[in-house]
Amino acid sequence: MKILFSYGVAALTALLVASAVLSPVTAPGAEPRNETIKRTASVMGTNLEATFYGIDAKEADRAFKAVVVEFRRIDRELSEWKGNTYVSEINKNAGSAPVVVPPELFRIISAAMTVSRVTDGAFDITWASLWGLWDFSPGSHKVPDPAEVKRRLKNVNYRDVVLDAGKKSVMLKRPGMAMGLGGIARDTPLIRP
């Protein structure tokens, strides 16, 4: 069986989830199926397309459903865009208080911090401090005032994310800071112990 996905980061994650839910592709001695089955869904702000080979439509539907369910769970728990997530709570408490988070989220943020250190900040989850400055939606094309960009850039610095491993808490040091995990959240199943 082969499964192909149309966007990079999700490909390996979706492959792992789909592989975990699929039964053996063919019975011993049976001929493998040669049909191609495509499934699509909108998840985590993008389109996911999977192409399945060597399984029937029922198996493909079951596997793809499991992938979509997992990605939607991750989105519900890790989105900075939704007001009721731990990440949103961290952002609301920037500069004032740490937020105790579930172990899975703490591992994800810790992994993001490692990537930030290794890349010397080229990957930085505090990018979200700049959110809303640009607008490229059709008919809008808003370019921000350079002074506002400069002001907000002071809040983009992964070194100002405070992690307490004992308490599993996260704090952004300054008001106005915000984190966004979109660059790593899709890899969540790969970060699990």
Protein backbone atom coordinates (compact mmCIF):
# COMPACT_ATOMS: atom_id res chain seq x y z
CA MET A 1 0.00 0.00 0.00
CA LYS A 2 1.19 3.50 -0.78
CA ILE A 3 -0.24 6.75 0.56
CA LEU A 4 0.75 10.10 -0.95
CA PHE A 5 -0.11 13.46 0.59
CA SER A 6 -0.10 16.86 -1.01
CA TYR A 7 1.66 18.91 1.62
CA GLY A 8 5.02 18.19 3.11
CA VAL A 9 4.90 18.36 6.90
CA ALA A 10 1.57 16.62 7.09
CA ALA A 11 2.68 13.84 4.78
CA LEU A 12 4.77 11.88 7.24
CA THR A 13 2.38 12.54 10.11
CA ALA A 14 -0.63 11.44 8.11
CA LEU A 15 1.24 8.41 6.83
CA LEU A 16 2.02 7.35 10.40
CA VAL A 17 -1.57 7.83 11.57
CA ALA A 18 -2.99 6.06 8.52
CA SER A 19 -0.55 3.17 8.88
CA ALA A 20 -1.58 2.73 12.50
CA VAL A 21 -5.26 2.27 11.61
CA LEU A 22 -5.02 0.18 8.47
CA SER A 23 -5.35 -3.56 8.66
CA PRO A 24 -3.00 -5.65 6.55
CA VAL A 25 -3.38 -4.56 2.95
CA THR A 26 -3.95 -7.96 1.47
CA ALA A 27 -4.50 -11.41 2.83
CA PRO A 28 -1.55 -13.78 2.53
CA GLY A 29 -1.33 -15.01 -1.05
CA ALA A 30 -3.93 -12.50 -2.33
CA GLU A 31 -3.26 -10.13 -5.18
CA PRO A 32 -2.73 -6.50 -4.14
CA ARG A 33 -5.36 -4.00 -5.27
CA ASN A 34 -4.35 -1.61 -8.00
CA GLU A 35 -7.02 1.05 -7.64
CA THR A 36 -6.16 4.64 -6.75
CA ILE A 37 -8.34 6.39 -4.17
CA LYS A 38 -8.12 10.11 -3.42
CA ARG A 39 -9.50 11.87 -0.36
CA THR A 40 -9.34 15.56 0.57
CA ALA A 41 -10.16 17.63 3.64
CA SER A 42 -9.53 21.10 4.97
CA VAL A 43 -7.43 20.86 8.12
CA MET A 44 -5.29 23.32 10.07
CA GLY A 45 -5.88 26.13 7.61
CA THR A 46 -4.80 24.21 4.55
CA ASN A 47 -5.99 21.48 2.22
CA LEU A 48 -4.90 17.92 2.80
CA GLU A 49 -5.13 15.46 -0.07
CA ALA A 50 -4.27 11.80 0.27
CA THR A 51 -3.90 9.28 -2.50
CA PHE A 52 -4.19 5.63 -1.45
CA TYR A 53 -2.93 2.67 -3.48
CA GLY A 54 -3.48 -0.99 -2.80
CA ILE A 55 -6.51 -0.74 -0.48
CA ASP A 56 -10.23 -0.55 -1.02
CA ALA A 57 -12.38 2.57 -0.56
CA LYS A 58 -13.62 1.48 2.87
CA GLU A 59 -10.07 1.08 4.18
CA ALA A 60 -9.02 4.41 2.62
CA ASP A 61 -12.00 6.17 4.19
CA ARG A 62 -11.20 4.69 7.59
CA ALA A 63 -7.52 5.64 7.38
CA PHE A 64 -8.20 9.14 6.10
CA LYS A 65 -10.85 9.75 8.75
CA ALA A 66 -8.31 8.86 11.47
CA VAL A 67 -5.78 11.27 9.95
CA VAL A 68 -8.31 14.11 9.79
CA VAL A 69 -9.57 13.45 13.33
CA GLU A 70 -6.01 13.65 14.67
CA PHE A 71 -5.20 16.85 12.79
CA ARG A 72 -8.42 18.49 13.97
CA ARG A 73 -7.64 17.48 17.57
CA ILE A 74 -4.22 19.09 17.26
CA ASP A 75 -5.79 22.23 15.78
CA ARG A 76 -8.35 22.48 18.61
CA GLU A 77 -5.65 22.16 21.24
CA LEU A 78 -2.74 24.10 19.75
CA SER A 79 -4.18 26.90 17.63
CA GLU A 80 -3.24 30.47 18.43
CA TRP A 81 -6.24 31.60 16.37
CA LYS A 82 -8.89 30.03 18.59
CA GLY A 83 -9.63 31.80 21.88
CA ASN A 84 -10.04 28.73 24.07
CA THR A 85 -6.67 26.97 23.65
CA TYR A 86 -3.67 26.82 25.96
CA VAL A 87 -1.63 28.72 23.37
CA SER A 88 -4.21 31.53 23.38
CA GLU A 89 -4.06 31.52 27.20
CA ILE A 90 -0.27 31.83 27.10
CA ASN A 91 -0.63 34.77 24.70
CA LYS A 92 -3.27 36.48 26.88
CA ASN A 93 -0.99 36.16 29.91
CA ALA A 94 2.13 37.48 28.16
CA GLY A 95 4.19 39.55 30.57
CA SER A 96 2.08 38.70 33.59
CA ALA A 97 1.84 35.01 34.51
CA PRO A 98 2.98 31.55 33.48
CA VAL A 99 0.39 29.10 32.19
CA VAL A 100 0.49 25.42 33.17
CA VAL A 101 0.00 23.35 30.03
CA PRO A 102 -0.56 19.64 29.28
CA PRO A 103 2.60 17.51 28.90
CA GLU A 104 2.06 17.09 25.13
CA LEU A 105 1.98 20.85 24.57
CA PHE A 106 4.99 21.36 26.83
CA ARG A 107 6.94 18.82 24.72
CA ILE A 108 5.91 20.59 21.51
CA ILE A 109 6.95 24.02 22.80
CA SER A 110 10.21 22.54 24.13
CA ALA A 111 10.89 21.01 20.71
CA ALA A 112 10.16 24.36 19.08
CA MET A 113 12.60 26.04 21.43
CA THR A 114 15.27 23.50 20.50
CA VAL A 115 14.71 24.23 16.81
CA SER A 116 14.89 27.96 17.59
CA ARG A 117 18.24 27.53 19.34
CA VAL A 118 19.66 25.31 16.59
CA THR A 119 18.57 27.80 13.90
CA ASP A 120 19.63 30.80 16.01
CA GLY A 121 16.10 32.17 15.80
CA ALA A 122 15.43 31.58 12.10
CA PHE A 123 12.56 29.42 13.41
CA ASP A 124 10.85 31.40 16.17
CA ILE A 125 7.44 30.64 17.66
CA THR A 126 7.13 34.25 18.83
CA TRP A 127 6.57 35.27 15.20
CA ALA A 128 2.90 35.61 16.18
CA SER A 129 3.76 38.93 17.82
CA LEU A 130 3.60 40.29 14.26
CA TRP A 131 0.20 38.74 13.52
CA GLY A 132 -2.27 41.06 11.79
CA LEU A 133 0.28 43.56 10.48
CA TRP A 134 0.03 42.31 6.90
CA ASP A 135 -3.17 41.51 5.06
CA PHE A 136 -2.94 39.77 1.72
CA SER A 137 -6.58 38.81 1.41
CA PRO A 138 -8.22 39.55 -1.95
CA GLY A 139 -8.91 43.26 -2.34
CA SER A 140 -7.01 44.24 0.80
CA HIS A 141 -3.22 44.00 0.43
CA LYS A 142 -2.44 45.97 3.60
CA VAL A 143 1.23 46.76 4.15
CA PRO A 144 2.04 47.91 7.69
CA ASP A 145 3.69 51.11 8.82
CA PRO A 146 7.44 50.42 9.21
CA ALA A 147 7.38 52.01 12.67
CA GLU A 148 4.73 49.50 13.80
CA VAL A 149 6.77 46.62 12.41
CA LYS A 150 9.84 47.87 14.30
CA ARG A 151 7.83 48.24 17.53
CA ARG A 152 6.40 44.73 17.32
CA LEU A 153 9.69 43.12 16.28
CA LYS A 154 10.89 43.82 19.82
CA ASN A 155 8.47 41.09 20.92
CA VAL A 156 9.85 38.47 18.53
CA ASN A 157 12.53 36.62 20.45
CA TYR A 158 12.36 32.95 21.38
CA ARG A 159 14.81 33.65 24.23
CA ASP A 160 11.95 35.43 26.02
CA VAL A 161 9.86 32.27 26.28
CA VAL A 162 10.26 30.90 29.81
CA LEU A 163 9.72 27.17 30.28
CA ASP A 164 9.48 25.53 33.70
CA ALA A 165 9.87 21.79 33.16
CA GLY A 166 8.94 20.95 36.75
CA LYS A 167 5.64 22.82 36.64
CA LYS A 168 5.07 22.29 32.89
CA SER A 169 4.44 26.01 32.59
CA VAL A 170 5.11 28.48 29.80
CA MET A 171 5.41 32.24 30.03
CA LEU A 172 6.12 34.99 27.55
CA LYS A 173 8.23 37.63 29.31
CA ARG A 174 6.68 40.80 27.91
CA PRO A 175 3.16 42.10 27.25
CA GLY A 176 2.48 42.12 23.52
CA MET A 177 4.37 38.91 22.89
CA ALA A 178 2.53 36.04 21.27
CA MET A 179 3.45 32.56 20.15
CA GLY A 180 2.17 30.55 17.22
CA LEU A 181 2.86 26.87 16.72
CA GLY A 182 1.76 26.51 13.10
CA GLY A 183 5.30 25.76 11.99
CA ILE A 184 5.54 22.75 14.29
CA ALA A 185 2.01 21.76 15.33
CA ARG A 186 1.49 19.56 12.27
CA ASP A 187 4.45 17.49 13.42
CA THR A 188 2.86 16.80 16.81
CA PRO A 189 2.46 13.03 16.32
CA LEU A 190 6.19 12.84 15.51
CA ILE A 191 7.16 14.59 18.76
CA ARG A 192 5.33 12.14 21.00
CA PRO A 193 7.56 9.99 23.19
